[in-house]
All heavy atoms as atom14 arrays in JSON, in Angstrom:
{
  "sequence": "TGFVRASSVMHLREQLTDKGQCSSFTNAEKDPEEFLNLIMQHIL",
  "atom14_mask": [
    [1, 1, 1, 1, 1, 1, 1, 0, 0, 0, 0, 0, 0, 0],
    [1, 1, 1, 1, 0, 0, 0, 0, 0, 0, 0, 0, 0, 0],
    [1, 1, 1, 1, 1, 1, 1, 1, 1, 1, 1, 0, 0, 0],
    [1, 1, 1, 1, 1, 1, 1, 0, 0, 0, 0, 0, 0, 0],
    [1, 1, 1, 1, 1, 1, 1, 1, 1, 1, 1, 0, 0, 0],
    [1, 1, 1, 1, 1, 0, 0, 0, 0, 0, 0, 0, 0, 0],
    [1, 1, 1, 1, 1, 1, 0, 0, 0, 0, 0, 0, 0, 0],
    [1, 1, 1, 1, 1, 1, 0, 0, 0, 0, 0, 0, 0, 0],
    [1, 1, 1, 1, 1, 1, 1, 0, 0, 0, 0, 0, 0, 0],
    [1, 1, 1, 1, 1, 1, 1, 1, 0, 0, 0, 0, 0, 0],
    [1, 1, 1, 1, 1, 1, 1, 1, 1, 1, 0, 0, 0, 0],
    [1, 1, 1, 1, 1, 1, 1, 1, 0, 0, 0, 0, 0, 0],
    [1, 1, 1, 1, 1, 1, 1, 1, 1, 1, 1, 0, 0, 0],
    [1, 1, 1, 1, 1, 1, 1, 1, 1, 0, 0, 0, 0, 0],
    [1, 1, 1, 1, 1, 1, 1, 1, 1, 0, 0, 0, 0, 0],
    [1, 1, 1, 1, 1, 1, 1, 1, 0, 0, 0, 0, 0, 0],
    [1, 1, 1, 1, 1, 1, 1, 0, 0, 0, 0, 0, 0, 0],
    [1, 1, 1, 1, 1, 1, 1, 1, 0, 0, 0, 0, 0, 0],
    [1, 1, 1, 1, 1, 1, 1, 1, 1, 0, 0, 0, 0, 0],
    [1, 1, 1, 1, 0, 0, 0, 0, 0, 0, 0, 0, 0, 0],
    [1, 1, 1, 1, 1, 1, 1, 1, 1, 0, 0, 0, 0, 0],
    [1, 1, 1, 1, 1, 1, 0, 0, 0, 0, 0, 0, 0, 0],
    [1, 1, 1, 1, 1, 1, 0, 0, 0, 0, 0, 0, 0, 0],
    [1, 1, 1, 1, 1, 1, 0, 0, 0, 0, 0, 0, 0, 0],
    [1, 1, 1, 1, 1, 1, 1, 1, 1, 1, 1, 0, 0, 0],
    [1, 1, 1, 1, 1, 1, 1, 0, 0, 0, 0, 0, 0, 0],
    [1, 1, 1, 1, 1, 1, 1, 1, 0, 0, 0, 0, 0, 0],
    [1, 1, 1, 1, 1, 0, 0, 0, 0, 0, 0, 0, 0, 0],
    [1, 1, 1, 1, 1, 1, 1, 1, 1, 0, 0, 0, 0, 0],
    [1, 1, 1, 1, 1, 1, 1, 1, 1, 0, 0, 0, 0, 0],
    [1, 1, 1, 1, 1, 1, 1, 1, 0, 0, 0, 0, 0, 0],
    [1, 1, 1, 1, 1, 1, 1, 0, 0, 0, 0, 0, 0, 0],
    [1, 1, 1, 1, 1, 1, 1, 1, 1, 0, 0, 0, 0, 0],
    [1, 1, 1, 1, 1, 1, 1, 1, 1, 0, 0, 0, 0, 0],
    [1, 1, 1, 1, 1, 1, 1, 1, 1, 1, 1, 0, 0, 0],
    [1, 1, 1, 1, 1, 1, 1, 1, 0, 0, 0, 0, 0, 0],
    [1, 1, 1, 1, 1, 1, 1, 1, 0, 0, 0, 0, 0, 0],
    [1, 1, 1, 1, 1, 1, 1, 1, 0, 0, 0, 0, 0, 0],
    [1, 1, 1, 1, 1, 1, 1, 1, 0, 0, 0, 0, 0, 0],
    [1, 1, 1, 1, 1, 1, 1, 1, 0, 0, 0, 0, 0, 0],
    [1, 1, 1, 1, 1, 1, 1, 1, 1, 0, 0, 0, 0, 0],
    [1, 1, 1, 1, 1, 1, 1, 1, 1, 1, 0, 0, 0, 0],
    [1, 1, 1, 1, 1, 1, 1, 1, 0, 0, 0, 0, 0, 0],
    [1, 1, 1, 1, 1, 1, 1, 1, 0, 0, 0, 0, 0, 0]
  ],
  "atom14_positions": [
    [[12.1, 156.5, -128.24], [13.45, 157.01, -127.95], [14.45, 155.9, -127.57], [15.64, 156.17, -127.44], [13.41, 158.02, -126.79], [13.04, 157.33, -125.58], [12.39, 159.11, -127.07], [0.0, 0.0, 0.0], [0.0, 0.0, 0.0], [0.0, 0.0, 0.0], [0.0, 0.0, 0.0], [0.0, 0.0, 0.0], [0.0, 0.0, 0.0], [0.0, 0.0, 0.0]],
    [[13.95, 154.69, -127.33], [14.85, 153.6, -126.95], [15.21, 153.61, -125.48], [16.08, 152.85, -125.03], [0.0, 0.0, 0.0], [0.0, 0.0, 0.0], [0.0, 0.0, 0.0], [0.0, 0.0, 0.0], [0.0, 0.0, 0.0], [0.0, 0.0, 0.0], [0.0, 0.0, 0.0], [0.0, 0.0, 0.0], [0.0, 0.0, 0.0], [0.0, 0.0, 0.0]],
    [[14.54, 154.46, -124.66], [14.9, 154.54, -123.25], [13.64, 154.69, -122.38], [12.73, 155.45, -122.74], [15.82, 155.74, -123.0], [16.21, 155.9, -121.55], [17.1, 155.02, -120.95], [15.69, 156.95, -120.8], [17.45, 155.16, -119.61], [16.04, 157.11, -119.46], [16.93, 156.21, -118.87], [0.0, 0.0, 0.0], [0.0, 0.0, 0.0], [0.0, 0.0, 0.0]],
    [[13.61, 153.94, -121.26], [12.51, 154.04, -120.3], [13.12, 154.3, -118.92], [14.01, 153.57, -118.48], [11.67, 152.74, -120.27], [10.55, 152.86, -119.21], [11.1, 152.44, -121.64], [0.0, 0.0, 0.0], [0.0, 0.0, 0.0], [0.0, 0.0, 0.0], [0.0, 0.0, 0.0], [0.0, 0.0, 0.0], [0.0, 0.0, 0.0], [0.0, 0.0, 0.0]],
    [[12.64, 155.32, -118.26], [13.13, 155.64, -116.91], [12.68, 154.61, -115.88], [11.62, 154.03, -115.99], [12.59, 157.01, -116.48], [13.11, 158.18, -117.27], [12.44, 159.47, -116.8], [13.02, 160.63, -117.45], [14.1, 161.24, -117.03], [14.73, 160.79, -115.94], [14.6, 162.28, -117.68], [0.0, 0.0, 0.0], [0.0, 0.0, 0.0], [0.0, 0.0, 0.0]],
    [[13.53, 154.42, -114.86], [13.2, 153.5, -113.79], [11.91, 153.92, -113.07], [11.16, 153.07, -112.59], [14.36, 153.41, -112.79], [0.0, 0.0, 0.0], [0.0, 0.0, 0.0], [0.0, 0.0, 0.0], [0.0, 0.0, 0.0], [0.0, 0.0, 0.0], [0.0, 0.0, 0.0], [0.0, 0.0, 0.0], [0.0, 0.0, 0.0], [0.0, 0.0, 0.0]],
    [[11.65, 155.22, -113.01], [10.45, 155.7, -112.33], [9.17, 155.21, -113.0], [8.14, 154.99, -112.35], [10.45, 157.23, -112.27], [10.56, 157.79, -113.56], [0.0, 0.0, 0.0], [0.0, 0.0, 0.0], [0.0, 0.0, 0.0], [0.0, 0.0, 0.0], [0.0, 0.0, 0.0], [0.0, 0.0, 0.0], [0.0, 0.0, 0.0], [0.0, 0.0, 0.0]],
    [[9.23, 155.03, -114.32], [8.06, 154.53, -115.04], [7.79, 153.07, -114.7], [6.62, 152.67, -114.5], [8.27, 154.67, -116.56], [8.43, 156.03, -116.91], [0.0, 0.0, 0.0], [0.0, 0.0, 0.0], [0.0, 0.0, 0.0], [0.0, 0.0, 0.0], [0.0, 0.0, 0.0], [0.0, 0.0, 0.0], [0.0, 0.0, 0.0], [0.0, 0.0, 0.0]],
    [[8.84, 152.29, -114.62], [8.68, 150.88, -114.23], [8.21, 150.79, -112.78], [7.38, 149.96, -112.43], [9.99, 150.1, -114.43], [9.83, 148.64, -114.01], [10.43, 150.16, -115.9], [0.0, 0.0, 0.0], [0.0, 0.0, 0.0], [0.0, 0.0, 0.0], [0.0, 0.0, 0.0], [0.0, 0.0, 0.0], [0.0, 0.0, 0.0], [0.0, 0.0, 0.0]],
    [[8.73, 151.68, -111.92], [8.29, 151.68, -110.53], [6.81, 152.03, -110.41], [6.09, 151.48, -109.56], [9.13, 152.68, -109.71], [8.79, 152.69, -108.22], [8.95, 151.06, -107.43], [10.74, 150.99, -107.21], [0.0, 0.0, 0.0], [0.0, 0.0, 0.0], [0.0, 0.0, 0.0], [0.0, 0.0, 0.0], [0.0, 0.0, 0.0], [0.0, 0.0, 0.0]],
    [[6.32, 152.93, -111.26], [4.89, 153.27, -111.29], [4.07, 152.0, -111.59], [3.05, 151.74, -110.92], [4.63, 154.34, -112.34], [3.28, 154.96, -112.23], [2.75, 155.76, -113.22], [2.31, 154.88, -111.28], [1.52, 156.15, -112.86], [1.24, 155.64, -111.68], [0.0, 0.0, 0.0], [0.0, 0.0, 0.0], [0.0, 0.0, 0.0], [0.0, 0.0, 0.0]],
    [[4.53, 151.22, -112.56], [3.86, 149.96, -112.87], [3.96, 148.99, -111.71], [2.97, 148.35, -111.34], [4.48, 149.33, -114.13], [3.91, 147.96, -114.57], [2.47, 148.08, -114.98], [4.75, 147.37, -115.7], [0.0, 0.0, 0.0], [0.0, 0.0, 0.0], [0.0, 0.0, 0.0], [0.0, 0.0, 0.0], [0.0, 0.0, 0.0], [0.0, 0.0, 0.0]],
    [[5.12, 148.88, -111.09], [5.31, 147.97, -109.96], [4.42, 148.32, -108.78], [3.87, 147.44, -108.1], [6.78, 147.96, -109.54], [7.73, 147.41, -110.59], [9.18, 147.64, -110.26], [9.68, 146.66, -109.3], [10.92, 146.68, -108.8], [11.75, 147.65, -109.14], [11.3, 145.75, -107.95], [0.0, 0.0, 0.0], [0.0, 0.0, 0.0], [0.0, 0.0, 0.0]],
    [[4.23, 149.61, -108.55], [3.35, 150.05, -107.46], [1.92, 149.63, -107.73], [1.19, 149.18, -106.83], [3.44, 151.57, -107.3], [4.77, 152.03, -106.69], [5.0, 153.52, -106.87], [4.2, 154.19, -107.59], [5.98, 154.02, -106.29], [0.0, 0.0, 0.0], [0.0, 0.0, 0.0], [0.0, 0.0, 0.0], [0.0, 0.0, 0.0], [0.0, 0.0, 0.0]],
    [[1.48, 149.76, -108.99], [0.13, 149.35, -109.35], [-0.05, 147.84, -109.23], [-1.09, 147.35, -108.78], [-0.2, 149.79, -110.78], [-0.31, 151.3, -110.96], [-1.42, 151.89, -110.1], [-2.55, 151.43, -110.13], [-1.08, 152.9, -109.3], [0.0, 0.0, 0.0], [0.0, 0.0, 0.0], [0.0, 0.0, 0.0], [0.0, 0.0, 0.0], [0.0, 0.0, 0.0]],
    [[1.0, 147.09, -109.62], [0.93, 145.62, -109.5], [0.86, 145.2, -108.04], [0.18, 144.24, -107.69], [2.15, 144.98, -110.17], [2.27, 145.15, -111.69], [3.5, 144.4, -112.2], [1.02, 144.69, -112.41], [0.0, 0.0, 0.0], [0.0, 0.0, 0.0], [0.0, 0.0, 0.0], [0.0, 0.0, 0.0], [0.0, 0.0, 0.0], [0.0, 0.0, 0.0]],
    [[1.57, 145.91, -107.18], [1.54, 145.61, -105.74], [0.13, 145.86, -105.19], [-0.39, 145.09, -104.39], [2.56, 146.48, -104.99], [3.87, 146.15, -105.46], [2.51, 146.21, -103.51], [0.0, 0.0, 0.0], [0.0, 0.0, 0.0], [0.0, 0.0, 0.0], [0.0, 0.0, 0.0], [0.0, 0.0, 0.0], [0.0, 0.0, 0.0], [0.0, 0.0, 0.0]],
    [[-0.5, 146.95, -105.64], [-1.85, 147.26, -105.19], [-2.85, 146.2, -105.65], [-3.77, 145.81, -104.92], [-2.31, 148.62, -105.74], [-1.56, 149.78, -105.08], [-0.94, 149.55, -104.02], [-1.6, 150.89, -105.64], [0.0, 0.0, 0.0], [0.0, 0.0, 0.0], [0.0, 0.0, 0.0], [0.0, 0.0, 0.0], [0.0, 0.0, 0.0], [0.0, 0.0, 0.0]],
    [[-2.67, 145.73, -106.9], [-3.66, 144.82, -107.48], [-3.38, 143.35, -107.15], [-4.27, 142.51, -107.18], [-3.65, 144.94, -109.02], [-3.88, 146.34, -109.55], [-5.28, 146.85, -109.22], [-5.59, 148.16, -109.92], [-4.66, 149.26, -109.59], [0.0, 0.0, 0.0], [0.0, 0.0, 0.0], [0.0, 0.0, 0.0], [0.0, 0.0, 0.0], [0.0, 0.0, 0.0]],
    [[-2.12, 143.01, -106.86], [-1.74, 141.61, -106.71], [-1.87, 141.1, -105.3], [-2.28, 141.81, -104.36], [0.0, 0.0, 0.0], [0.0, 0.0, 0.0], [0.0, 0.0, 0.0], [0.0, 0.0, 0.0], [0.0, 0.0, 0.0], [0.0, 0.0, 0.0], [0.0, 0.0, 0.0], [0.0, 0.0, 0.0], [0.0, 0.0, 0.0], [0.0, 0.0, 0.0]],
    [[-1.48, 139.84, -105.15], [-1.53, 139.19, -103.84], [-0.22, 139.39, -103.08], [-0.09, 138.96, -101.94], [-1.76, 137.68, -104.04], [-2.87, 137.32, -105.0], [-4.22, 137.84, -104.56], [-4.56, 137.7, -103.39], [-4.97, 138.44, -105.46], [0.0, 0.0, 0.0], [0.0, 0.0, 0.0], [0.0, 0.0, 0.0], [0.0, 0.0, 0.0], [0.0, 0.0, 0.0]],
    [[0.75, 140.02, -103.73], [2.09, 140.1, -103.17], [2.49, 141.57, -102.93], [2.32, 142.41, -103.79], [3.09, 139.44, -104.13], [4.77, 139.46, -103.54], [0.0, 0.0, 0.0], [0.0, 0.0, 0.0], [0.0, 0.0, 0.0], [0.0, 0.0, 0.0], [0.0, 0.0, 0.0], [0.0, 0.0, 0.0], [0.0, 0.0, 0.0], [0.0, 0.0, 0.0]],
    [[3.04, 141.83, -101.76], [3.35, 143.22, -101.39], [4.77, 143.63, -101.78], [5.17, 144.77, -101.53], [3.18, 143.39, -99.89], [4.07, 142.54, -99.19], [0.0, 0.0, 0.0], [0.0, 0.0, 0.0], [0.0, 0.0, 0.0], [0.0, 0.0, 0.0], [0.0, 0.0, 0.0], [0.0, 0.0, 0.0], [0.0, 0.0, 0.0], [0.0, 0.0, 0.0]],
    [[5.54, 142.71, -102.39], [6.97, 143.02, -102.58], [7.35, 143.24, -104.04], [8.51, 143.12, -104.41], [7.83, 141.89, -101.99], [7.48, 140.64, -102.58], [0.0, 0.0, 0.0], [0.0, 0.0, 0.0], [0.0, 0.0, 0.0], [0.0, 0.0, 0.0], [0.0, 0.0, 0.0], [0.0, 0.0, 0.0], [0.0, 0.0, 0.0], [0.0, 0.0, 0.0]],
    [[6.38, 143.59, -104.89], [6.7, 143.83, -106.3], [7.55, 145.09, -106.48], [8.18, 145.28, -107.5], [5.41, 143.94, -107.14], [5.06, 142.66, -107.83], [4.1, 141.82, -107.32], [5.71, 142.28, -109.01], [3.78, 140.63, -107.96], [5.39, 141.1, -109.67], [4.42, 140.27, -109.14], [0.0, 0.0, 0.0], [0.0, 0.0, 0.0], [0.0, 0.0, 0.0]],
    [[7.55, 145.98, -105.49], [8.3, 147.23, -105.65], [9.75, 147.13, -105.22], [10.54, 148.03, -105.49], [7.64, 148.36, -104.85], [7.5, 147.93, -103.5], [6.28, 148.72, -105.43], [0.0, 0.0, 0.0], [0.0, 0.0, 0.0], [0.0, 0.0, 0.0], [0.0, 0.0, 0.0], [0.0, 0.0, 0.0], [0.0, 0.0, 0.0], [0.0, 0.0, 0.0]],
    [[10.13, 146.04, -104.52], [11.51, 146.02, -104.0], [12.23, 144.69, -104.16], [13.45, 144.65, -104.13], [11.54, 146.42, -102.52], [10.56, 145.6, -101.68], [10.35, 144.42, -101.93], [9.96, 146.25, -100.69], [0.0, 0.0, 0.0], [0.0, 0.0, 0.0], [0.0, 0.0, 0.0], [0.0, 0.0, 0.0], [0.0, 0.0, 0.0], [0.0, 0.0, 0.0]],
    [[11.51, 143.59, -104.33], [12.15, 142.27, -104.38], [12.28, 141.76, -105.81], [11.53, 142.15, -106.7], [11.35, 141.26, -103.54], [0.0, 0.0, 0.0], [0.0, 0.0, 0.0], [0.0, 0.0, 0.0], [0.0, 0.0, 0.0], [0.0, 0.0, 0.0], [0.0, 0.0, 0.0], [0.0, 0.0, 0.0], [0.0, 0.0, 0.0], [0.0, 0.0, 0.0]],
    [[13.28, 140.89, -106.02], [13.43, 140.24, -107.31], [12.44, 139.09, -107.41], [12.26, 138.33, -106.45], [14.86, 139.72, -107.51], [15.07, 139.14, -108.91], [16.52, 138.8, -109.18], [17.39, 139.21, -108.38], [16.78, 138.13, -110.19], [0.0, 0.0, 0.0], [0.0, 0.0, 0.0], [0.0, 0.0, 0.0], [0.0, 0.0, 0.0], [0.0, 0.0, 0.0]],
    [[11.76, 138.99, -108.54], [10.75, 137.96, -108.76], [11.15, 137.08, -109.94], [12.06, 137.4, -110.71], [9.39, 138.6, -109.07], [8.88, 139.54, -108.02], [8.35, 138.79, -106.84], [7.71, 139.72, -105.83], [7.32, 139.02, -104.61], [0.0, 0.0, 0.0], [0.0, 0.0, 0.0], [0.0, 0.0, 0.0], [0.0, 0.0, 0.0], [0.0, 0.0, 0.0]],
    [[10.41, 135.99, -110.08], [10.56, 135.21, -111.3], [9.73, 135.87, -112.38], [8.6, 136.33, -112.11], [10.06, 133.78, -111.06], [10.4, 132.86, -112.21], [9.69, 132.87, -113.22], [11.4, 132.13, -112.11], [0.0, 0.0, 0.0], [0.0, 0.0, 0.0], [0.0, 0.0, 0.0], [0.0, 0.0, 0.0], [0.0, 0.0, 0.0], [0.0, 0.0, 0.0]],
    [[10.25, 136.0, -113.61], [9.47, 136.64, -114.68], [8.1, 136.0, -114.86], [7.13, 136.69, -115.2], [10.34, 136.44, -115.92], [11.73, 136.3, -115.4], [11.61, 135.61, -114.08], [0.0, 0.0, 0.0], [0.0, 0.0, 0.0], [0.0, 0.0, 0.0], [0.0, 0.0, 0.0], [0.0, 0.0, 0.0], [0.0, 0.0, 0.0], [0.0, 0.0, 0.0]],
    [[8.0, 134.7, -114.63], [6.72, 134.02, -114.8], [5.67, 134.54, -113.83], [4.5, 134.66, -114.18], [6.91, 132.51, -114.62], [5.69, 131.7, -115.01], [5.96, 130.21, -115.05], [7.09, 129.77, -114.69], [5.06, 129.45, -115.43], [0.0, 0.0, 0.0], [0.0, 0.0, 0.0], [0.0, 0.0, 0.0], [0.0, 0.0, 0.0], [0.0, 0.0, 0.0]],
    [[6.08, 134.87, -112.63], [5.17, 135.42, -111.63], [4.62, 136.77, -112.11], [3.42, 137.05, -111.98], [5.9, 135.58, -110.29], [5.0, 135.97, -109.13], [5.75, 136.06, -107.83], [6.96, 135.72, -107.79], [5.14, 136.5, -106.82], [0.0, 0.0, 0.0], [0.0, 0.0, 0.0], [0.0, 0.0, 0.0], [0.0, 0.0, 0.0], [0.0, 0.0, 0.0]],
    [[5.49, 137.58, -112.66], [5.09, 138.88, -113.22], [4.13, 138.7, -114.4], [3.09, 139.35, -114.48], [6.34, 139.66, -113.64], [6.09, 140.79, -114.61], [5.24, 141.82, -114.28], [6.72, 140.81, -115.85], [5.01, 142.87, -115.19], [6.51, 141.82, -116.74], [5.64, 142.86, -116.42], [0.0, 0.0, 0.0], [0.0, 0.0, 0.0], [0.0, 0.0, 0.0]],
    [[4.47, 137.8, -115.34], [3.64, 137.57, -116.51], [2.26, 137.04, -116.13], [1.25, 137.48, -116.68], [4.34, 136.61, -117.49], [5.58, 137.16, -118.18], [6.23, 136.07, -119.03], [5.27, 138.37, -119.05], [0.0, 0.0, 0.0], [0.0, 0.0, 0.0], [0.0, 0.0, 0.0], [0.0, 0.0, 0.0], [0.0, 0.0, 0.0], [0.0, 0.0, 0.0]],
    [[2.24, 136.09, -115.2], [0.94, 135.54, -114.78], [0.05, 136.61, -114.15], [-1.14, 136.67, -114.41], [1.15, 134.39, -113.79], [1.64, 133.12, -114.46], [1.55, 132.97, -115.67], [2.17, 132.2, -113.68], [0.0, 0.0, 0.0], [0.0, 0.0, 0.0], [0.0, 0.0, 0.0], [0.0, 0.0, 0.0], [0.0, 0.0, 0.0], [0.0, 0.0, 0.0]],
    [[0.66, 137.46, -113.32], [-0.11, 138.5, -112.66], [-0.68, 139.49, -113.66], [-1.89, 139.77, -113.67], [0.75, 139.24, -111.63], [0.08, 140.44, -110.94], [-1.14, 139.98, -110.14], [1.08, 141.16, -110.03], [0.0, 0.0, 0.0], [0.0, 0.0, 0.0], [0.0, 0.0, 0.0], [0.0, 0.0, 0.0], [0.0, 0.0, 0.0], [0.0, 0.0, 0.0]],
    [[0.17, 139.98, -114.56], [-0.3, 141.05, -115.46], [-1.2, 140.51, -116.56], [-2.18, 141.13, -116.94], [0.9, 141.85, -116.03], [0.42, 143.18, -116.61], [1.67, 141.05, -117.08], [1.51, 144.18, -116.88], [0.0, 0.0, 0.0], [0.0, 0.0, 0.0], [0.0, 0.0, 0.0], [0.0, 0.0, 0.0], [0.0, 0.0, 0.0], [0.0, 0.0, 0.0]],
    [[-0.91, 139.3, -117.06], [-1.71, 138.76, -118.16], [-3.03, 138.18, -117.67], [-4.09, 138.41, -118.26], [-0.92, 137.7, -118.93], [0.2, 138.26, -119.77], [1.01, 136.97, -120.76], [2.04, 137.97, -121.81], [0.0, 0.0, 0.0], [0.0, 0.0, 0.0], [0.0, 0.0, 0.0], [0.0, 0.0, 0.0], [0.0, 0.0, 0.0], [0.0, 0.0, 0.0]],
    [[-2.97, 137.4, -116.6], [-4.17, 136.71, -116.14], [-5.04, 137.57, -115.25], [-6.23, 137.76, -115.49], [-3.79, 135.42, -115.41], [-4.99, 134.62, -114.89], [-4.59, 133.33, -114.22], [-3.41, 133.03, -114.08], [-5.55, 132.55, -113.79], [0.0, 0.0, 0.0], [0.0, 0.0, 0.0], [0.0, 0.0, 0.0], [0.0, 0.0, 0.0], [0.0, 0.0, 0.0]],
    [[-4.44, 138.1, -114.19], [-5.25, 138.75, -113.15], [-5.52, 140.23, -113.41], [-6.5, 140.77, -112.89], [-4.55, 138.59, -111.8], [-4.4, 137.18, -111.37], [-5.48, 136.36, -111.04], [-3.29, 136.38, -111.27], [-5.04, 135.16, -110.73], [-3.73, 135.13, -110.86], [0.0, 0.0, 0.0], [0.0, 0.0, 0.0], [0.0, 0.0, 0.0], [0.0, 0.0, 0.0]],
    [[-4.67, 140.89, -114.21], [-4.87, 142.33, -114.4], [-5.46, 142.65, -115.78], [-6.31, 143.51, -115.91], [-3.54, 143.07, -114.18], [-3.19, 142.96, -112.71], [-3.64, 144.52, -114.62], [-1.91, 143.64, -112.3], [0.0, 0.0, 0.0], [0.0, 0.0, 0.0], [0.0, 0.0, 0.0], [0.0, 0.0, 0.0], [0.0, 0.0, 0.0], [0.0, 0.0, 0.0]],
    [[-5.02, 141.92, -116.82], [-5.56, 142.17, -118.15], [-6.6, 141.11, -118.58], [-7.4, 141.35, -119.47], [-4.44, 142.25, -119.18], [-3.43, 143.39, -118.98], [-2.36, 143.37, -120.06], [-4.12, 144.74, -118.94], [0.0, 0.0, 0.0], [0.0, 0.0, 0.0], [0.0, 0.0, 0.0], [0.0, 0.0, 0.0], [0.0, 0.0, 0.0], [0.0, 0.0, 0.0]]
  ]
}
């Protein structure tokens, strides 16, 4: 549909916070590299 709700991204951010070393994935701005490293290396 070309559209993704913010709630869907927040669901992902909550899971990343649970799995990652950082507790602020749900509210703070991060560097994209930090996000890519977490999801590619540590989660997938």
